[in-house]
């Protein structure tokens, strides 16, 4: 997992995200969740695994910031979705 990148926001695809290996960016995987809650859970777990498998020392405050990345965008989508319901 330490050689992976996670791209949480794909324009016009709110339930999709990319996983890309650093050593082979052409081997990009695009995953699509059934709903925003599932996407949030999957992205959170993937970020956690990437951070846990990283071989260097990552300060706790940096880990916390990384775990929050993408959350604002997802929260905006959930709010918009609930307004339309």
PDB file of N, CA and C in Angstrom:
ATOM      1  N   UNK A   1       0.807  -1.214   0.000  1.00  0.00           N
ATOM      2  CA  UNK A   1       0.000   0.000   0.000  1.00  0.00           C
ATOM      3  C   UNK A   1       0.845   1.271   0.000  1.00  0.00           C
ATOM      4  N   UNK A   2       2.093   1.174   0.419  1.00  0.00           N
ATOM      5  CA  UNK A   2       2.895   2.392   0.549  1.00  0.00           C
ATOM      6  C   UNK A   2       3.245   3.026  -0.792  1.00  0.00           C
ATOM      7  N   UNK A   3       3.027   2.314  -1.897  1.00  0.00           N
ATOM      8  CA  UNK A   3       3.326   2.895  -3.206  1.00  0.00           C
ATOM      9  C   UNK A   3       2.064   3.355  -3.936  1.00  0.00           C
ATOM     10  N   UNK A   4       0.969   3.548  -3.203  1.00  0.00           N
ATOM     11  CA  UNK A   4      -0.297   3.931  -3.828  1.00  0.00           C
ATOM     12  C   UNK A   4      -0.640   5.394  -3.580  1.00  0.00           C
ATOM     13  N   UNK A   5      -1.339   5.975  -4.546  1.00  0.00           N
ATOM     14  CA  UNK A   5      -1.920   7.314  -4.409  1.00  0.00           C
ATOM     15  C   UNK A   5      -3.436   7.151  -4.444  1.00  0.00           C
ATOM     16  N   UNK A   6      -4.117   7.969  -3.686  1.00  0.00           N
ATOM     17  CA  UNK A   6      -5.575   7.967  -3.670  1.00  0.00           C
ATOM     18  C   UNK A   6      -6.056   9.325  -4.166  1.00  0.00           C
ATOM     19  N   UNK A   7      -6.898   9.316  -5.182  1.00  0.00           N
ATOM     20  CA  UNK A   7      -7.515  10.541  -5.698  1.00  0.00           C
ATOM     21  C   UNK A   7      -9.000  10.432  -5.368  1.00  0.00           C
ATOM     22  N   UNK A   8      -9.433  11.210  -4.381  1.00  0.00           N
ATOM     23  CA  UNK A   8     -10.796  11.072  -3.862  1.00  0.00           C
ATOM     24  C   UNK A   8     -11.851  11.816  -4.668  1.00  0.00           C
ATOM     25  N   UNK A   9     -11.470  12.864  -5.377  1.00  0.00           N
ATOM     26  CA  UNK A   9     -12.450  13.694  -6.075  1.00  0.00           C
ATOM     27  C   UNK A   9     -12.232  13.577  -7.582  1.00  0.00           C
ATOM     28  N   UNK A  10     -13.254  13.086  -8.264  1.00  0.00           N
ATOM     29  CA  UNK A  10     -13.250  13.003  -9.721  1.00  0.00           C
ATOM     30  C   UNK A  10     -14.402  13.886 -10.203  1.00  0.00           C
ATOM     31  N   UNK A  11     -14.111  14.883 -11.037  1.00  0.00           N
ATOM     32  CA  UNK A  11     -15.176  15.779 -11.507  1.00  0.00           C
ATOM     33  C   UNK A  11     -16.343  15.009 -12.134  1.00  0.00           C
ATOM     34  N   UNK A  12     -17.541  15.394 -11.767  1.00  0.00           N
ATOM     35  CA  UNK A  12     -18.792  14.818 -12.275  1.00  0.00           C
ATOM     36  C   UNK A  12     -18.997  13.348 -11.913  1.00  0.00           C
ATOM     37  N   UNK A  13     -18.189  12.820 -11.001  1.00  0.00           N
ATOM     38  CA  UNK A  13     -18.328  11.433 -10.538  1.00  0.00           C
ATOM     39  C   UNK A  13     -18.225  11.414  -9.015  1.00  0.00           C
ATOM     40  N   UNK A  14     -19.232  11.900  -8.305  1.00  0.00           N
ATOM     41  CA  UNK A  14     -19.115  12.064  -6.857  1.00  0.00           C
ATOM     42  C   UNK A  14     -18.931  10.766  -6.074  1.00  0.00           C
ATOM     43  N   UNK A  15     -19.313   9.628  -6.630  1.00  0.00           N
ATOM     44  CA  UNK A  15     -19.186   8.367  -5.902  1.00  0.00           C
ATOM     45  C   UNK A  15     -17.946   7.573  -6.316  1.00  0.00           C
ATOM     46  N   UNK A  16     -17.127   8.137  -7.191  1.00  0.00           N
ATOM     47  CA  UNK A  16     -15.950   7.427  -7.701  1.00  0.00           C
ATOM     48  C   UNK A  16     -14.662   8.013  -7.143  1.00  0.00           C
ATOM     49  N   UNK A  17     -13.604   7.194  -7.159  1.00  0.00           N
ATOM     50  CA  UNK A  17     -12.269   7.637  -6.773  1.00  0.00           C
ATOM     51  C   UNK A  17     -11.247   6.754  -7.479  1.00  0.00           C
ATOM     52  N   UNK A  18     -10.004   7.260  -7.569  1.00  0.00           N
ATOM     53  CA  UNK A  18      -8.925   6.535  -8.238  1.00  0.00           C
ATOM     54  C   UNK A  18      -7.920   6.028  -7.207  1.00  0.00           C
ATOM     55  N   UNK A  19      -7.352   4.865  -7.505  1.00  0.00           N
ATOM     56  CA  UNK A  19      -6.182   4.358  -6.796  1.00  0.00           C
ATOM     57  C   UNK A  19      -5.107   4.167  -7.869  1.00  0.00           C
ATOM     58  N   UNK A  20      -3.952   4.795  -7.653  1.00  0.00           N
ATOM     59  CA  UNK A  20      -2.900   4.808  -8.671  1.00  0.00           C
ATOM     60  C   UNK A  20      -1.575   4.388  -8.041  1.00  0.00           C
ATOM     61  N   UNK A  21      -0.898   3.377  -8.600  1.00  0.00           N
ATOM     62  CA  UNK A  21       0.442   3.028  -8.109  1.00  0.00           C
ATOM     63  C   UNK A  21       1.476   4.060  -8.578  1.00  0.00           C
ATOM     64  N   UNK A  22       2.360   4.485  -7.670  1.00  0.00           N
ATOM     65  CA  UNK A  22       3.415   5.433  -8.036  1.00  0.00           C
ATOM     66  C   UNK A  22       4.299   4.877  -9.147  1.00  0.00           C
ATOM     67  N   UNK A  23       4.610   3.582  -9.067  1.00  0.00           N
ATOM     68  CA  UNK A  23       5.566   2.998 -10.005  1.00  0.00           C
ATOM     69  C   UNK A  23       4.954   2.667 -11.368  1.00  0.00           C
ATOM     70  N   UNK A  24       3.625   2.763 -11.496  1.00  0.00           N
ATOM     71  CA  UNK A  24       2.975   2.494 -12.777  1.00  0.00           C
ATOM     72  C   UNK A  24       1.664   3.284 -12.865  1.00  0.00           C
ATOM     73  N   UNK A  25       1.744   4.600 -13.071  1.00  0.00           N
ATOM     74  CA  UNK A  25       0.539   5.436 -13.073  1.00  0.00           C
ATOM     75  C   UNK A  25      -0.499   5.047 -14.120  1.00  0.00           C
ATOM     76  N   UNK A  26      -0.073   4.344 -15.152  1.00  0.00           N
ATOM     77  CA  UNK A  26      -1.036   3.916 -16.173  1.00  0.00           C
ATOM     78  C   UNK A  26      -1.951   2.805 -15.660  1.00  0.00           C
ATOM     79  N   UNK A  27      -1.549   2.167 -14.588  1.00  0.00           N
ATOM     80  CA  UNK A  27      -2.358   1.096 -13.994  1.00  0.00           C
ATOM     81  C   UNK A  27      -3.332   1.688 -12.979  1.00  0.00           C
ATOM     82  N   UNK A  28      -4.034   2.705 -13.391  1.00  0.00           N
ATOM     83  CA  UNK A  28      -4.987   3.399 -12.526  1.00  0.00           C
ATOM     84  C   UNK A  28      -6.264   2.575 -12.387  1.00  0.00           C
ATOM     85  N   UNK A  29      -6.737   2.465 -11.161  1.00  0.00           N
ATOM     86  CA  UNK A  29      -8.008   1.789 -10.906  1.00  0.00           C
ATOM     87  C   UNK A  29      -9.024   2.837 -10.482  1.00  0.00           C
ATOM     88  N   UNK A  30     -10.205   2.769 -11.049  1.00  0.00           N
ATOM     89  CA  UNK A  30     -11.296   3.653 -10.658  1.00  0.00           C
ATOM     90  C   UNK A  30     -12.365   2.796 -10.008  1.00  0.00           C
ATOM     91  N   UNK A  31     -12.713   3.161  -8.789  1.00  0.00           N
ATOM     92  CA  UNK A  31     -13.744   2.437  -8.053  1.00  0.00           C
ATOM     93  C   UNK A  31     -14.946   3.340  -7.862  1.00  0.00           C
ATOM     94  N   UNK A  32     -16.121   2.742  -7.823  1.00  0.00           N
ATOM     95  CA  UNK A  32     -17.345   3.512  -7.614  1.00  0.00           C
ATOM     96  C   UNK A  32     -18.138   2.868  -6.489  1.00  0.00           C
ATOM     97  N   UNK A  33     -18.439   3.670  -5.483  1.00  0.00           N
ATOM     98  CA  UNK A  33     -19.229   3.210  -4.344  1.00  0.00           C
ATOM     99  C   UNK A  33     -20.716   3.299  -4.676  1.00  0.00           C
ATOM    100  N   UNK A  34     -21.519   2.595  -3.908  1.00  0.00           N
ATOM    101  CA  UNK A  34     -22.976   2.633  -4.105  1.00  0.00           C
ATOM    102  C   UNK A  34     -23.591   3.924  -3.594  1.00  0.00           C
ATOM    103  N   UNK A  35     -22.965   4.484  -2.547  1.00  0.00           N
ATOM    104  CA  UNK A  35     -23.467   5.727  -1.963  1.00  0.00           C
ATOM    105  C   UNK A  35     -22.295   6.472  -1.323  1.00  0.00           C
ATOM    106  N   UNK A  36     -22.537   7.708  -0.898  1.00  0.00           N
ATOM    107  CA  UNK A  36     -21.461   8.534  -0.367  1.00  0.00           C
ATOM    108  C   UNK A  36     -20.907   7.977   0.945  1.00  0.00           C
ATOM    109  N   UNK A  37     -21.746   7.398   1.768  1.00  0.00           N
ATOM    110  CA  UNK A  37     -21.263   6.833   3.023  1.00  0.00           C
ATOM    111  C   UNK A  37     -20.260   5.713   2.759  1.00  0.00           C
ATOM    112  N   UNK A  38     -20.545   4.881   1.772  1.00  0.00           N
ATOM    113  CA  UNK A  38     -19.634   3.797   1.422  1.00  0.00           C
ATOM    114  C   UNK A  38     -18.319   4.363   0.876  1.00  0.00           C
ATOM    115  N   UNK A  39     -18.399   5.384   0.029  1.00  0.00           N
ATOM    116  CA  UNK A  39     -17.188   5.996  -0.513  1.00  0.00           C
ATOM    117  C   UNK A  39     -16.332   6.568   0.611  1.00  0.00           C
ATOM    118  N   UNK A  40     -16.947   7.280   1.531  1.00  0.00           N
ATOM    119  CA  UNK A  40     -16.219   7.872   2.653  1.00  0.00           C
ATOM    120  C   UNK A  40     -15.523   6.780   3.456  1.00  0.00           C
ATOM    121  N   UNK A  41     -16.223   5.702   3.738  1.00  0.00           N
ATOM    122  CA  UNK A  41     -15.663   4.591   4.512  1.00  0.00           C
ATOM    123  C   UNK A  41     -14.487   3.943   3.771  1.00  0.00           C
ATOM    124  N   UNK A  42     -14.678   3.672   2.474  1.00  0.00           N
ATOM    125  CA  UNK A  42     -13.612   3.050   1.679  1.00  0.00           C
ATOM    126  C   UNK A  42     -12.377   3.946   1.617  1.00  0.00           C
ATOM    127  N   UNK A  43     -12.573   5.225   1.316  1.00  0.00           N
ATOM    128  CA  UNK A  43     -11.434   6.147   1.215  1.00  0.00           C
ATOM    129  C   UNK A  43     -10.712   6.272   2.555  1.00  0.00           C
ATOM    130  N   UNK A  44     -11.463   6.330   3.626  1.00  0.00           N
ATOM    131  CA  UNK A  44     -10.865   6.410   4.963  1.00  0.00           C
ATOM    132  C   UNK A  44     -10.005   5.176   5.221  1.00  0.00           C
ATOM    133  N   UNK A  45     -10.527   3.996   4.930  1.00  0.00           N
ATOM    134  CA  UNK A  45      -9.777   2.756   5.161  1.00  0.00           C
ATOM    135  C   UNK A  45      -8.536   2.679   4.275  1.00  0.00           C
ATOM    136  N   UNK A  46      -8.651   3.098   3.028  1.00  0.00           N
ATOM    137  CA  UNK A  46      -7.499   3.071   2.114  1.00  0.00           C
ATOM    138  C   UNK A  46      -6.425   4.042   2.594  1.00  0.00           C
ATOM    139  N   UNK A  47      -6.821   5.256   2.987  1.00  0.00           N
ATOM    140  CA  UNK A  47      -5.841   6.218   3.503  1.00  0.00           C
ATOM    141  C   UNK A  47      -5.142   5.670   4.738  1.00  0.00           C
ATOM    142  N   UNK A  48      -5.910   5.056   5.631  1.00  0.00           N
ATOM    143  CA  UNK A  48      -5.333   4.485   6.851  1.00  0.00           C
ATOM    144  C   UNK A  48      -4.303   3.410   6.502  1.00  0.00           C
ATOM    145  N   UNK A  49      -4.639   2.528   5.563  1.00  0.00           N
ATOM    146  CA  UNK A  49      -3.709   1.470   5.157  1.00  0.00           C
ATOM    147  C   UNK A  49      -2.453   2.042   4.493  1.00  0.00           C
ATOM    148  N   UNK A  50      -2.614   3.067   3.670  1.00  0.00           N
ATOM    149  CA  UNK A  50      -1.453   3.706   3.038  1.00  0.00           C
ATOM    150  C   UNK A  50      -0.537   4.297   4.111  1.00  0.00           C
ATOM    151  N   UNK A  51      -1.117   4.997   5.079  1.00  0.00           N
ATOM    152  CA  UNK A  51      -0.316   5.600   6.148  1.00  0.00           C
ATOM    153  C   UNK A  51       0.354   4.541   7.013  1.00  0.00           C
ATOM    154  N   UNK A  52      -0.357   3.469   7.340  1.00  0.00           N
ATOM    155  CA  UNK A  52       0.211   2.409   8.178  1.00  0.00           C
ATOM    156  C   UNK A  52       1.351   1.677   7.486  1.00  0.00           C
ATOM    157  N   UNK A  53       1.303   1.566   6.170  1.00  0.00           N
ATOM    158  CA  UNK A  53       2.332   0.813   5.453  1.00  0.00           C
ATOM    159  C   UNK A  53       3.519   1.682   5.024  1.00  0.00           C
ATOM    160  N   UNK A  54       3.420   3.004   5.222  1.00  0.00           N
ATOM    161  CA  UNK A  54       4.517   3.900   4.858  1.00  0.00           C
ATOM    162  C   UNK A  54       5.720   3.600   5.741  1.00  0.00           C
ATOM    163  N   UNK A  55       6.908   3.529   5.138  1.00  0.00           N
ATOM    164  CA  UNK A  55       8.106   3.098   5.864  1.00  0.00           C
ATOM    165  C   UNK A  55       8.769   4.203   6.680  1.00  0.00           C
ATOM    166  N   UNK A  56       8.419   5.440   6.455  1.00  0.00           N
ATOM    167  CA  UNK A  56       9.007   6.543   7.206  1.00  0.00           C
ATOM    168  C   UNK A  56       8.132   6.960   8.373  1.00  0.00           C
ATOM    169  N   UNK A  57       8.656   7.874   9.169  1.00  0.00           N
ATOM    170  CA  UNK A  57       7.911   8.404  10.308  1.00  0.00           C
ATOM    171  C   UNK A  57       7.027   9.556   9.835  1.00  0.00           C
ATOM    172  N   UNK A  58       5.744   9.469  10.130  1.00  0.00           N
ATOM    173  CA  UNK A  58       4.795  10.532   9.788  1.00  0.00           C
ATOM    174  C   UNK A  58       4.259  11.090  11.103  1.00  0.00           C
ATOM    175  N   UNK A  59       4.463  12.388  11.366  1.00  0.00           N
ATOM    176  CA  UNK A  59       3.945  12.976  12.605  1.00  0.00           C
ATOM    177  C   UNK A  59       2.422  12.810  12.704  1.00  0.00           C
ATOM    178  N   UNK A  60       1.937  12.665  13.918  1.00  0.00           N
ATOM    179  CA  UNK A  60       0.505  12.446  14.148  1.00  0.00           C
ATOM    180  C   UNK A  60      -0.358  13.576  13.585  1.00  0.00           C
ATOM    181  N   UNK A  61       0.118  14.830  13.703  1.00  0.00           N
ATOM    182  CA  UNK A  61      -0.691  15.940  13.183  1.00  0.00           C
ATOM    183  C   UNK A  61      -0.793  15.876  11.657  1.00  0.00           C
ATOM    184  N   UNK A  62       0.233  15.375  10.995  1.00  0.00           N
ATOM    185  CA  UNK A  62       0.192  15.224   9.539  1.00  0.00           C
ATOM    186  C   UNK A  62      -0.761  14.093   9.166  1.00  0.00           C
ATOM    187  N   UNK A  63      -0.712  12.995   9.918  1.00  0.00           N
ATOM    188  CA  UNK A  63      -1.646  11.886   9.677  1.00  0.00           C
ATOM    189  C   UNK A  63      -3.088  12.370   9.805  1.00  0.00           C
ATOM    190  N   UNK A  64      -3.332  13.171  10.825  1.00  0.00           N
ATOM    191  CA  UNK A  64      -4.679  13.703  11.048  1.00  0.00           C
ATOM    192  C   UNK A  64      -5.134  14.573   9.876  1.00  0.00           C
ATOM    193  N   UNK A  65      -4.247  15.414   9.375  1.00  0.00           N
ATOM    194  CA  UNK A  65      -4.587  16.262   8.224  1.00  0.00           C
ATOM    195  C   UNK A  65      -4.865  15.422   6.984  1.00  0.00           C
ATOM    196  N   UNK A  66      -4.059  14.400   6.761  1.00  0.00           N
ATOM    197  CA  UNK A  66      -4.256  13.526   5.604  1.00  0.00           C
ATOM    198  C   UNK A  66      -5.608  12.826   5.694  1.00  0.00           C
ATOM    199  N   UNK A  67      -5.969  12.375   6.872  1.00  0.00           N
ATOM    200  CA  UNK A  67      -7.241  11.674   7.046  1.00  0.00           C
ATOM    201  C   UNK A  67      -8.430  12.601   6.795  1.00  0.00           C
ATOM    202  N   UNK A  68      -8.240  13.910   6.961  1.00  0.00           N
ATOM    203  CA  UNK A  68      -9.325  14.872   6.732  1.00  0.00           C
ATOM    204  C   UNK A  68      -9.438  15.309   5.272  1.00  0.00           C
ATOM    205  N   UNK A  69      -8.401  15.061   4.466  1.00  0.00           N
ATOM    206  CA  UNK A  69      -8.436  15.466   3.058  1.00  0.00           C
ATOM    207  C   UNK A  69      -9.621  14.836   2.344  1.00  0.00           C
ATOM    208  N   UNK A  70     -10.329  15.623   1.564  1.00  0.00           N
ATOM    209  CA  UNK A  70     -11.478  15.138   0.810  1.00  0.00           C
ATOM    210  C   UNK A  70     -12.777  15.159   1.589  1.00  0.00           C
ATOM    211  N   UNK A  71     -12.695  15.261   2.909  1.00  0.00           N
ATOM    212  CA  UNK A  71     -13.900  15.212   3.742  1.00  0.00           C
ATOM    213  C   UNK A  71     -14.840  16.383   3.453  1.00  0.00           C
ATOM    214  N   UNK A  72     -14.299  17.574   3.265  1.00  0.00           N
ATOM    215  CA  UNK A  72     -15.140  18.748   3.012  1.00  0.00           C
ATOM    216  C   UNK A  72     -15.938  18.574   1.720  1.00  0.00           C
ATOM    217  N   UNK A  73     -15.290  18.072   0.694  1.00  0.00           N
ATOM    218  CA  UNK A  73     -15.973  17.845  -0.585  1.00  0.00           C
ATOM    219  C   UNK A  73     -17.089  16.820  -0.410  1.00  0.00           C
ATOM    220  N   UNK A  74     -16.808  15.720   0.300  1.00  0.00           N
ATOM    221  CA  UNK A  74     -17.811  14.681   0.513  1.00  0.00           C
ATOM    222  C   UNK A  74     -18.968  15.196   1.364  1.00  0.00           C
ATOM    223  N   UNK A  75     -18.650  15.993   2.397  1.00  0.00           N
ATOM    224  CA  UNK A  75     -19.704  16.564   3.242  1.00  0.00           C
ATOM    225  C   UNK A  75     -20.604  17.490   2.433  1.00  0.00           C
ATOM    226  N   UNK A  76     -20.012  18.274   1.523  1.00  0.00           N
ATOM    227  CA  UNK A  76     -20.810  19.154   0.660  1.00  0.00           C
ATOM    228  C   UNK A  76     -21.760  18.339  -0.204  1.00  0.00           C
ATOM    229  N   UNK A  77     -21.286  17.220  -0.727  1.00  0.00           N
ATOM    230  CA  UNK A  77     -22.119  16.371  -1.571  1.00  0.00           C
ATOM    231  C   UNK A  77     -23.266  15.773  -0.759  1.00  0.00           C
ATOM    232  N   UNK A  78     -22.974  15.287   0.449  1.00  0.00           N
ATOM    233  CA  UNK A  78     -24.016  14.705   1.297  1.00  0.00           C
ATOM    234  C   UNK A  78     -25.060  15.759   1.630  1.00  0.00           C
ATOM    235  N   UNK A  79     -24.626  16.997   1.944  1.00  0.00           N
ATOM    236  CA  UNK A  79     -25.568  18.077   2.254  1.00  0.00           C
ATOM    237  C   UNK A  79     -26.447  18.397   1.052  1.00  0.00           C
ATOM    238  N   UNK A  80     -25.851  18.477  -0.121  1.00  0.00           N
ATOM    239  CA  UNK A  80     -26.601  18.768  -1.342  1.00  0.00           C
ATOM    240  C   UNK A  80     -27.592  17.652  -1.635  1.00  0.00           C
ATOM    241  N   UNK A  81     -27.156  16.412  -1.431  1.00  0.00           N
ATOM    242  CA  UNK A  81     -28.013  15.251  -1.679  1.00  0.00           C
ATOM    243  C   UNK A  81     -29.230  15.267  -0.752  1.00  0.00           C
ATOM    244  N   UNK A  82     -29.023  15.629   0.521  1.00  0.00           N
ATOM    245  CA  UNK A  82     -30.141  15.648   1.465  1.00  0.00           C
ATOM    246  C   UNK A  82     -31.107  16.797   1.168  1.00  0.00           C
ATOM    247  N   UNK A  83     -30.611  17.904   0.624  1.00  0.00           N
ATOM    248  CA  UNK A  83     -31.487  19.016   0.255  1.00  0.00           C
ATOM    249  C   UNK A  83     -32.382  18.655  -0.925  1.00  0.00           C
ATOM    250  N   UNK A  84     -31.867  17.831  -1.822  1.00  0.00           N
ATOM    251  CA  UNK A  84     -32.634  17.441  -3.003  1.00  0.00           C
ATOM    252  C   UNK A  84     -33.673  16.370  -2.691  1.00  0.00           C
ATOM    253  N   UNK A  85     -33.533  15.699  -1.551  1.00  0.00           N
ATOM    254  CA  UNK A  85     -34.467  14.617  -1.198  1.00  0.00           C
ATOM    255  C   UNK A  85     -35.790  15.144  -0.691  1.00  0.00           C
TER     256      UNK A  85
END
